[in-house]
Amino acid sequence: MKNAFLGFLLGSLLLLSLPSLAQSASPVAYGEQVQVSGAGRRALYQHALAWSEKGFAYTPKMDVKADAAAGTLRLRGTGKVKTLDNNKPIETMVRFEFVFRATDNGYDYNVGAFEVVPNEKQPATTVPLDDYVAQLAADRTNSRTNNDRRVRAQASSLASEVALSFRSYMNSHEGESDDTVGLN
């Protein structure tokens, strides 16, 4: 009886720990498909382009590629994550990619492809976020700082924040179309 109970308890603990292991292996990204009936590809693209020009707060932005004919927009943005070193926060620059594609009845977008700029004096040198997090996890002080989890959580938060900003902007313009501008 004791052995069966102990086995059940041990098995339960293993099952509870598996989801946390699986979460850490997933890439940091946020994407969504949104259906907007009758909005039109052109209007949706124009709204996304306006957001990238006026509402995109994650500067400096780079590599802006806008294709009106295809209804696509791709750009890279910049944010910061903080690690701890001797209980002092150190900011590190991260870059991410925002990809938008409009269709006649909606759009999809994705925030992902995170890269870390480990040395701001060499901004052209980047490391994929997963590799950077693995380096932090291997650091001997990580058991005290939890920098690997800290950076992954901050990058996930940044992806959600970008998506929320974009979706909020798009929702505020959902009823508009180029055909009704100026008409009451």
Protein backbone atom coordinates (compact mmCIF):
# COMPACT_ATOMS: atom_id res chain seq x y z
CA MET A 1 0.00 0.00 0.00
CA LYS A 2 2.80 2.41 0.93
CA ASN A 3 4.70 1.59 -2.25
CA ALA A 4 1.61 2.14 -4.39
CA PHE A 5 0.95 5.50 -2.75
CA LEU A 6 4.60 6.53 -3.08
CA GLY A 7 4.57 5.49 -6.75
CA PHE A 8 1.39 7.49 -7.36
CA LEU A 9 2.87 10.54 -5.65
CA LEU A 10 6.12 10.32 -7.63
CA GLY A 11 4.23 9.85 -10.90
CA SER A 12 2.04 12.86 -10.14
CA LEU A 13 5.07 15.03 -9.50
CA LEU A 14 6.62 13.95 -12.80
CA LEU A 15 3.43 14.74 -14.70
CA LEU A 16 3.21 18.17 -13.10
CA SER A 17 6.80 19.01 -14.04
CA LEU A 18 6.42 18.04 -17.73
CA PRO A 19 4.36 21.09 -18.77
CA SER A 20 6.94 23.46 -17.30
CA LEU A 21 9.69 21.71 -19.25
CA ALA A 22 7.68 21.91 -22.45
CA GLN A 23 6.97 25.62 -21.95
CA SER A 24 10.62 26.57 -21.74
CA ALA A 25 11.37 24.93 -25.08
CA SER A 26 8.74 26.82 -27.05
CA PRO A 27 9.88 29.85 -29.06
CA VAL A 28 8.85 33.31 -27.94
CA ALA A 29 6.24 34.56 -30.40
CA TYR A 30 2.70 35.81 -30.65
CA GLY A 31 0.50 35.43 -33.70
CA GLU A 32 -3.16 35.71 -34.55
CA GLN A 33 -5.59 35.41 -37.43
CA VAL A 34 -8.40 37.94 -37.37
CA GLN A 35 -11.58 37.77 -39.45
CA VAL A 36 -13.00 41.15 -40.46
CA SER A 37 -15.94 40.70 -42.81
CA GLY A 38 -15.96 43.02 -45.79
CA ALA A 39 -13.04 45.16 -44.62
CA GLY A 40 -11.02 44.70 -47.77
CA ARG A 41 -7.36 43.96 -48.20
CA ARG A 42 -6.44 47.52 -49.16
CA ALA A 43 -8.07 49.16 -46.12
CA LEU A 44 -6.57 46.65 -43.70
CA TYR A 45 -3.14 47.09 -45.23
CA GLN A 46 -3.43 50.88 -45.02
CA HIS A 47 -4.37 50.69 -41.32
CA ALA A 48 -1.42 48.39 -40.57
CA LEU A 49 0.92 50.67 -42.49
CA ALA A 50 -0.36 53.71 -40.55
CA TRP A 51 0.26 51.86 -37.28
CA SER A 52 3.82 51.06 -38.35
CA GLU A 53 4.43 54.73 -39.17
CA LYS A 54 2.59 56.42 -36.27
CA GLY A 55 1.89 53.87 -33.55
CA PHE A 56 4.96 51.63 -33.59
CA ALA A 57 6.81 52.57 -30.41
CA TYR A 58 9.54 49.93 -30.56
CA THR A 59 12.32 51.99 -32.08
CA PRO A 60 14.69 52.01 -33.70
CA LYS A 61 12.74 50.13 -36.33
CA MET A 62 14.58 48.58 -39.22
CA ASP A 63 14.14 46.64 -42.41
CA VAL A 64 10.66 47.97 -43.21
CA LYS A 65 9.27 46.10 -46.22
CA ALA A 66 5.79 47.16 -47.28
CA ASP A 67 4.08 45.66 -50.33
CA ALA A 68 0.71 47.27 -51.06
CA ALA A 69 -0.08 44.92 -53.95
CA ALA A 70 0.37 41.83 -51.79
CA GLY A 71 -1.04 43.48 -48.65
CA THR A 72 2.03 42.58 -46.59
CA LEU A 73 4.16 44.46 -44.12
CA ARG A 74 7.35 43.28 -42.44
CA LEU A 75 9.58 45.22 -40.07
CA ARG A 76 12.00 44.76 -37.23
CA GLY A 77 11.57 46.52 -33.92
CA THR A 78 13.69 46.97 -30.82
CA GLY A 79 13.04 46.52 -27.13
CA LYS A 80 14.99 45.89 -23.93
CA VAL A 81 15.23 43.05 -21.44
CA LYS A 82 16.93 43.18 -18.07
CA THR A 83 19.21 40.68 -16.42
CA LEU A 84 20.62 40.86 -12.91
CA ASP A 85 24.32 40.99 -12.13
CA ASN A 86 25.16 41.36 -8.44
CA ASN A 87 21.56 42.50 -7.86
CA LYS A 88 22.00 45.34 -10.36
CA PRO A 89 19.77 45.38 -13.44
CA ILE A 90 21.55 45.39 -16.78
CA GLU A 91 19.57 46.28 -19.90
CA THR A 92 20.17 44.35 -23.09
CA MET A 93 18.72 45.20 -26.48
CA VAL A 94 16.47 42.70 -28.24
CA ARG A 95 15.15 42.80 -31.78
CA PHE A 96 11.99 41.17 -33.05
CA GLU A 97 10.17 40.82 -36.32
CA PHE A 98 6.60 41.94 -36.97
CA VAL A 99 4.91 40.37 -40.00
CA PHE A 100 1.43 41.36 -41.26
CA ARG A 101 -0.61 39.95 -44.15
CA ALA A 102 -4.02 41.26 -45.20
CA THR A 103 -6.71 39.28 -47.00
CA ASP A 104 -10.08 40.36 -48.35
CA ASN A 105 -11.83 39.25 -45.15
CA GLY A 106 -9.23 39.72 -42.46
CA TYR A 107 -5.57 39.62 -41.62
CA ASP A 108 -2.95 37.71 -39.75
CA TYR A 109 0.11 38.94 -37.94
CA ASN A 110 3.01 37.53 -36.01
CA VAL A 111 5.53 38.94 -33.55
CA GLY A 112 8.57 36.70 -33.28
CA ALA A 113 12.11 35.93 -34.47
CA PHE A 114 13.63 37.45 -31.33
CA GLU A 115 17.36 38.15 -31.32
CA VAL A 116 19.55 39.61 -28.59
CA VAL A 117 22.27 42.20 -29.14
CA PRO A 118 24.70 41.15 -26.40
CA ASN A 119 27.04 44.11 -26.94
CA GLU A 120 25.45 47.45 -27.84
CA LYS A 121 28.80 48.64 -29.21
CA GLN A 122 28.44 45.96 -31.89
CA PRO A 123 24.76 46.24 -32.89
CA ALA A 124 25.23 44.12 -36.02
CA THR A 125 26.15 41.08 -33.91
CA THR A 126 23.03 39.27 -32.71
CA VAL A 127 22.30 35.97 -31.01
CA PRO A 128 18.97 34.10 -31.31
CA LEU A 129 16.98 34.49 -28.09
CA ASP A 130 16.93 30.74 -27.40
CA ASP A 131 20.73 30.56 -27.62
CA TYR A 132 21.10 33.58 -25.34
CA VAL A 133 18.71 32.05 -22.79
CA ALA A 134 20.68 28.78 -22.93
CA GLN A 135 23.88 30.74 -22.19
CA LEU A 136 22.19 32.40 -19.23
CA ALA A 137 20.93 29.04 -17.94
CA ALA A 138 24.48 27.66 -18.05
CA ASP A 139 25.86 30.59 -16.04
CA ARG A 140 26.97 29.53 -12.58
CA THR A 141 25.04 32.35 -10.85
CA ASN A 142 21.77 31.56 -12.60
CA SER A 143 20.38 29.66 -9.61
CA ARG A 144 20.30 33.00 -7.73
CA THR A 145 19.38 35.36 -10.58
CA ASN A 146 17.08 33.17 -12.70
CA ASN A 147 18.16 35.33 -15.64
CA ASP A 148 17.16 32.67 -18.16
CA ARG A 149 13.53 32.67 -17.01
CA ARG A 150 13.59 36.43 -16.48
CA VAL A 151 14.70 37.17 -20.07
CA ARG A 152 12.28 34.66 -21.61
CA ALA A 153 9.39 36.14 -19.60
CA GLN A 154 10.31 39.69 -20.59
CA ALA A 155 10.57 38.75 -24.27
CA SER A 156 7.17 37.02 -24.09
CA SER A 157 5.74 40.10 -22.45
CA LEU A 158 7.22 42.29 -25.19
CA ALA A 159 5.66 40.08 -27.89
CA SER A 160 2.27 40.35 -26.18
CA GLU A 161 2.66 44.11 -25.74
CA VAL A 162 3.44 44.64 -29.44
CA ALA A 163 0.49 42.46 -30.42
CA LEU A 164 -1.82 44.31 -28.03
CA SER A 165 -0.72 47.67 -29.41
CA PHE A 166 -1.29 46.54 -32.98
CA ARG A 167 -4.62 44.83 -32.31
CA SER A 168 -5.89 47.83 -30.35
CA TYR A 169 -5.00 50.15 -33.22
CA MET A 170 -6.63 47.85 -35.78
CA ASN A 171 -9.79 47.49 -33.65
CA SER A 172 -10.10 51.25 -33.34
CA HIS A 173 -10.20 51.50 -37.15
CA GLU A 174 -12.21 48.34 -37.87
CA GLY A 175 -15.37 50.07 -39.10
CA GLU A 176 -13.55 52.48 -41.38
CA SER A 177 -12.85 51.97 -45.06
CA ASP A 178 -11.44 54.21 -47.73
CA ASP A 179 -14.85 54.42 -49.41
CA THR A 180 -16.55 56.17 -46.48
CA VAL A 181 -13.94 58.71 -45.46
CA GLY A 182 -15.58 62.13 -45.13
CA LEU A 183 -19.15 60.90 -45.59
CA ASN A 184 -21.79 61.03 -42.89
